[in-house]
Amino acid sequence: MSGQAPPKPKTKQVLDQVEEVKGIMHDNIDVMLKNHEKVENLQDKTDIMSQNAKQFKRSATAIKRQMWWRNMKLQIIIVLVVLAVLAIIIVPIAVKLKGN
């Protein structure tokens, strides 16, 4: 029996197992708390991104409306210029034909 440790009493073995389980539970609780913090951080980031998305949508809608009006004004100006050029060309011809 030399070189072998004497067997541990049953109560000592149970206490050692309890301590081991307590250590594992403490580790699990630490991991759970860290995961909870990560979830809270993700929730905060999600809320911020949602607010930014709403603001972006409002800005994009306002810019779209502004660009539509600008485009419409440009189209109206082009139509008026074309009509003016046609009037400048057609009116003298019509006056000349009426005079003959």
C-alpha atoms as a PDB file:
ATOM      1  CA  MET A   1       0.000   0.000   0.000  1.00  0.00           C
ATOM      2  CA  SER A   2       2.892   2.332  -0.248  1.00  0.00           C
ATOM      3  CA  GLY A   3       2.514   5.004  -2.948  1.00  0.00           C
ATOM      4  CA  GLN A   4      -1.297   4.988  -2.818  1.00  0.00           C
ATOM      5  CA  ALA A   5      -3.288   7.676  -1.047  1.00  0.00           C
ATOM      6  CA  PRO A   6      -5.692   6.426   1.562  1.00  0.00           C
ATOM      7  CA  PRO A   7      -9.304   6.442   0.302  1.00  0.00           C
ATOM      8  CA  LYS A   8     -11.276   9.590   1.150  1.00  0.00           C
ATOM      9  CA  PRO A   9     -14.213   9.282   3.463  1.00  0.00           C
ATOM     10  CA  LYS A  10     -17.588   9.377   1.736  1.00  0.00           C
ATOM     11  CA  THR A  11     -18.543  12.753   3.252  1.00  0.00           C
ATOM     12  CA  LYS A  12     -15.308  14.324   2.013  1.00  0.00           C
ATOM     13  CA  GLN A  13     -16.027  13.043  -1.493  1.00  0.00           C
ATOM     14  CA  VAL A  14     -19.555  14.495  -1.395  1.00  0.00           C
ATOM     15  CA  LEU A  15     -18.256  17.862  -0.092  1.00  0.00           C
ATOM     16  CA  ASP A  16     -15.649  17.943  -2.864  1.00  0.00           C
ATOM     17  CA  GLN A  17     -18.358  17.273  -5.450  1.00  0.00           C
ATOM     18  CA  VAL A  18     -20.540  20.008  -3.940  1.00  0.00           C
ATOM     19  CA  GLU A  19     -17.629  22.476  -4.143  1.00  0.00           C
ATOM     20  CA  GLU A  20     -16.990  21.475  -7.744  1.00  0.00           C
ATOM     21  CA  VAL A  21     -20.679  21.976  -8.619  1.00  0.00           C
ATOM     22  CA  LYS A  22     -20.648  25.354  -6.836  1.00  0.00           C
ATOM     23  CA  GLY A  23     -17.636  26.405  -8.900  1.00  0.00           C
ATOM     24  CA  ILE A  24     -19.341  25.349 -12.116  1.00  0.00           C
ATOM     25  CA  MET A  25     -22.516  27.196 -11.114  1.00  0.00           C
ATOM     26  CA  HIS A  26     -20.536  30.371 -10.349  1.00  0.00           C
ATOM     27  CA  ASP A  27     -18.909  30.129 -13.778  1.00  0.00           C
ATOM     28  CA  ASN A  28     -22.317  29.597 -15.408  1.00  0.00           C
ATOM     29  CA  ILE A  29     -23.758  32.604 -13.576  1.00  0.00           C
ATOM     30  CA  ASP A  30     -20.811  34.760 -14.720  1.00  0.00           C
ATOM     31  CA  VAL A  31     -21.336  33.645 -18.320  1.00  0.00           C
ATOM     32  CA  MET A  32     -25.069  34.321 -18.039  1.00  0.00           C
ATOM     33  CA  LEU A  33     -24.456  37.840 -16.695  1.00  0.00           C
ATOM     34  CA  LYS A  34     -22.005  38.585 -19.512  1.00  0.00           C
ATOM     35  CA  ASN A  35     -24.533  37.299 -22.046  1.00  0.00           C
ATOM     36  CA  HIS A  36     -27.211  39.485 -20.471  1.00  0.00           C
ATOM     37  CA  GLU A  37     -24.934  42.541 -20.816  1.00  0.00           C
ATOM     38  CA  LYS A  38     -24.306  41.660 -24.462  1.00  0.00           C
ATOM     39  CA  VAL A  39     -28.039  41.346 -25.087  1.00  0.00           C
ATOM     40  CA  GLU A  40     -28.648  44.742 -23.484  1.00  0.00           C
ATOM     41  CA  ASN A  41     -25.913  46.289 -25.638  1.00  0.00           C
ATOM     42  CA  LEU A  42     -27.418  44.720 -28.749  1.00  0.00           C
ATOM     43  CA  GLN A  43     -30.860  46.010 -27.769  1.00  0.00           C
ATOM     44  CA  ASP A  44     -29.477  49.539 -27.319  1.00  0.00           C
ATOM     45  CA  LYS A  45     -27.715  49.374 -30.683  1.00  0.00           C
ATOM     46  CA  THR A  46     -30.893  48.052 -32.297  1.00  0.00           C
ATOM     47  CA  ASP A  47     -32.925  50.930 -30.862  1.00  0.00           C
ATOM     48  CA  ILE A  48     -30.365  53.460 -32.124  1.00  0.00           C
ATOM     49  CA  MET A  49     -30.305  51.864 -35.573  1.00  0.00           C
ATOM     50  CA  SER A  50     -34.102  51.908 -35.708  1.00  0.00           C
ATOM     51  CA  GLN A  51     -34.169  55.612 -34.849  1.00  0.00           C
ATOM     52  CA  ASN A  52     -31.482  56.306 -37.460  1.00  0.00           C
ATOM     53  CA  ALA A  53     -33.459  54.357 -40.063  1.00  0.00           C
ATOM     54  CA  LYS A  54     -36.601  56.389 -39.345  1.00  0.00           C
ATOM     55  CA  GLN A  55     -34.632  59.640 -39.610  1.00  0.00           C
ATOM     56  CA  PHE A  56     -33.032  58.459 -42.857  1.00  0.00           C
ATOM     57  CA  LYS A  57     -36.440  57.600 -44.304  1.00  0.00           C
ATOM     58  CA  ARG A  58     -37.813  61.038 -43.411  1.00  0.00           C
ATOM     59  CA  SER A  59     -34.788  62.747 -44.956  1.00  0.00           C
ATOM     60  CA  ALA A  60     -34.931  60.580 -48.079  1.00  0.00           C
ATOM     61  CA  THR A  61     -38.635  61.319 -48.516  1.00  0.00           C
ATOM     62  CA  ALA A  62     -38.053  65.067 -48.151  1.00  0.00           C
ATOM     63  CA  ILE A  63     -35.190  64.986 -50.662  1.00  0.00           C
ATOM     64  CA  LYS A  64     -37.249  62.886 -53.083  1.00  0.00           C
ATOM     65  CA  ARG A  65     -40.095  65.418 -52.903  1.00  0.00           C
ATOM     66  CA  GLN A  66     -37.674  68.314 -53.364  1.00  0.00           C
ATOM     67  CA  MET A  67     -36.042  66.664 -56.390  1.00  0.00           C
ATOM     68  CA  TRP A  68     -39.462  65.896 -57.908  1.00  0.00           C
ATOM     69  CA  TRP A  69     -40.433  69.593 -57.724  1.00  0.00           C
ATOM     70  CA  ARG A  70     -37.082  70.650 -59.150  1.00  0.00           C
ATOM     71  CA  ASN A  71     -37.507  68.192 -62.028  1.00  0.00           C
ATOM     72  CA  MET A  72     -41.089  69.359 -62.631  1.00  0.00           C
ATOM     73  CA  LYS A  73     -39.983  73.007 -62.754  1.00  0.00           C
ATOM     74  CA  LEU A  74     -37.267  72.115 -65.257  1.00  0.00           C
ATOM     75  CA  GLN A  75     -39.751  70.256 -67.455  1.00  0.00           C
ATOM     76  CA  ILE A  76     -42.157  73.212 -67.380  1.00  0.00           C
ATOM     77  CA  ILE A  77     -39.354  75.598 -68.346  1.00  0.00           C
ATOM     78  CA  ILE A  78     -38.329  73.319 -71.237  1.00  0.00           C
ATOM     79  CA  VAL A  79     -41.936  73.110 -72.482  1.00  0.00           C
ATOM     80  CA  LEU A  80     -42.302  76.910 -72.284  1.00  0.00           C
ATOM     81  CA  VAL A  81     -39.028  77.450 -74.182  1.00  0.00           C
ATOM     82  CA  VAL A  82     -40.094  74.986 -76.893  1.00  0.00           C
ATOM     83  CA  LEU A  83     -43.490  76.704 -77.169  1.00  0.00           C
ATOM     84  CA  ALA A  84     -41.795  80.113 -77.348  1.00  0.00           C
ATOM     85  CA  VAL A  85     -39.454  78.921 -80.124  1.00  0.00           C
ATOM     86  CA  LEU A  86     -42.372  77.418 -82.031  1.00  0.00           C
ATOM     87  CA  ALA A  87     -44.321  80.673 -81.593  1.00  0.00           C
ATOM     88  CA  ILE A  88     -41.355  82.670 -82.879  1.00  0.00           C
ATOM     89  CA  ILE A  89     -41.165  80.422 -85.956  1.00  0.00           C
ATOM     90  CA  ILE A  90     -44.899  79.894 -86.638  1.00  0.00           C
ATOM     91  CA  VAL A  91     -46.277  83.413 -85.963  1.00  0.00           C
ATOM     92  CA  PRO A  92     -44.231  85.163 -88.693  1.00  0.00           C
ATOM     93  CA  ILE A  93     -45.082  82.400 -91.166  1.00  0.00           C
ATOM     94  CA  ALA A  94     -48.790  82.638 -90.296  1.00  0.00           C
ATOM     95  CA  VAL A  95     -48.739  86.442 -90.606  1.00  0.00           C
ATOM     96  CA  LYS A  96     -47.011  86.195 -93.992  1.00  0.00           C
ATOM     97  CA  LEU A  97     -49.525  83.629 -95.249  1.00  0.00           C
ATOM     98  CA  LYS A  98     -52.440  85.750 -94.055  1.00  0.00           C
ATOM     99  CA  GLY A  99     -51.017  88.786 -95.754  1.00  0.00           C
ATOM    100  CA  ASN A 100     -50.844  87.042 -99.140  1.00  0.00           C
END
